[in-house]
């Protein structure tokens, strides 16, 4: 269970409404028959934000283990020097 490994509240945003006040909610439609894909962005802005890189890694772990999203279908953008840089090209 990923919730036992997180000692802070990760931030999640979506292009569609997620009713988090309900007991549970779906990140993916239950009738999804296509390829699941995700773009995860972690930007610390120097040291202004804390733990955004950790949020991205925890969310990637959650998506692969809980929702069976293939790691090859998850794009990570982060300013940590390890992932693709989240900059305008």
Protein backbone atom coordinates (compact mmCIF):
# COMPACT_ATOMS: atom_id res chain seq x y z
CA UNK A 1 0.00 0.00 0.00
CA UNK A 2 1.59 3.22 -1.15
CA UNK A 3 -0.24 5.35 1.43
CA UNK A 4 1.84 3.79 4.18
CA UNK A 5 5.07 4.99 2.54
CA UNK A 6 4.06 8.64 2.16
CA UNK A 7 4.58 10.91 5.16
CA UNK A 8 3.17 13.99 3.43
CA UNK A 9 0.28 14.79 1.11
CA UNK A 10 1.19 14.45 -2.58
CA UNK A 11 -0.49 16.95 -4.89
CA UNK A 12 -2.54 15.70 -7.82
CA UNK A 13 -4.01 17.78 -10.63
CA UNK A 14 -6.08 16.69 -13.58
CA UNK A 15 -7.54 18.07 -16.77
CA UNK A 16 -10.91 16.70 -15.67
CA UNK A 17 -12.86 17.02 -12.45
CA UNK A 18 -12.01 14.47 -9.77
CA UNK A 19 -14.50 14.39 -6.92
CA UNK A 20 -12.10 13.62 -4.11
CA UNK A 21 -14.69 14.16 -1.40
CA UNK A 22 -16.21 10.80 -2.29
CA UNK A 23 -14.93 7.60 -0.71
CA UNK A 24 -13.12 6.60 -3.90
CA UNK A 25 -12.59 7.99 -7.36
CA UNK A 26 -11.19 6.72 -10.65
CA UNK A 27 -8.06 8.12 -12.24
CA UNK A 28 -8.92 6.15 -15.36
CA UNK A 29 -12.37 5.40 -16.76
CA UNK A 30 -13.57 1.98 -15.65
CA UNK A 31 -14.46 1.09 -19.24
CA UNK A 32 -10.98 2.03 -20.51
CA UNK A 33 -9.89 -0.31 -23.29
CA UNK A 34 -7.07 1.82 -24.71
CA UNK A 35 -3.50 2.40 -23.66
CA UNK A 36 -3.11 4.15 -20.34
CA UNK A 37 -0.61 7.02 -20.46
CA UNK A 38 0.54 9.62 -17.97
CA UNK A 39 2.71 12.73 -17.85
CA UNK A 40 4.10 13.49 -14.40
CA UNK A 41 5.73 16.85 -13.69
CA UNK A 42 7.85 17.59 -10.65
CA UNK A 43 9.29 21.09 -10.33
CA UNK A 44 10.91 22.26 -7.10
CA UNK A 45 11.72 25.77 -8.43
CA UNK A 46 15.09 25.63 -6.73
CA UNK A 47 14.09 24.92 -3.15
CA UNK A 48 10.77 26.81 -3.10
CA UNK A 49 8.66 23.65 -3.32
CA UNK A 50 9.62 20.57 -1.39
CA UNK A 51 9.14 16.94 -2.28
CA UNK A 52 7.73 17.42 -5.81
CA UNK A 53 10.31 14.97 -7.17
CA UNK A 54 9.28 12.45 -4.53
CA UNK A 55 5.61 13.03 -5.43
CA UNK A 56 6.36 12.16 -9.05
CA UNK A 57 8.17 8.94 -8.14
CA UNK A 58 5.42 7.88 -5.71
CA UNK A 59 2.74 8.61 -8.32
CA UNK A 60 4.68 6.63 -10.95
CA UNK A 61 4.92 3.72 -8.52
CA UNK A 62 1.21 4.01 -7.75
CA UNK A 63 0.21 4.09 -11.44
CA UNK A 64 2.36 1.09 -12.35
CA UNK A 65 1.41 -1.07 -9.37
CA UNK A 66 -2.22 -0.12 -8.83
CA UNK A 67 -3.44 0.79 -12.33
CA UNK A 68 -1.11 -1.39 -14.41
CA UNK A 69 0.23 1.55 -16.42
CA UNK A 70 3.35 0.47 -18.27
CA UNK A 71 6.42 2.48 -17.19
CA UNK A 72 7.19 3.07 -20.89
CA UNK A 73 3.87 4.97 -21.12
CA UNK A 74 4.74 7.33 -18.27
CA UNK A 75 6.69 10.46 -19.17
CA UNK A 76 8.41 12.21 -16.27
CA UNK A 77 9.44 15.86 -16.50
CA UNK A 78 11.43 17.15 -13.54
CA UNK A 79 14.07 19.70 -12.65
CA UNK A 80 16.12 17.12 -10.75
CA UNK A 81 18.78 16.60 -13.42
CA UNK A 82 17.74 12.95 -13.89
CA UNK A 83 14.49 13.15 -15.90
CA UNK A 84 13.65 15.15 -19.01
CA UNK A 85 13.79 18.84 -18.13
CA UNK A 86 10.34 20.50 -17.90
CA UNK A 87 11.34 23.45 -20.06
CA UNK A 88 9.93 25.03 -23.18
CA UNK A 89 11.68 23.76 -26.29
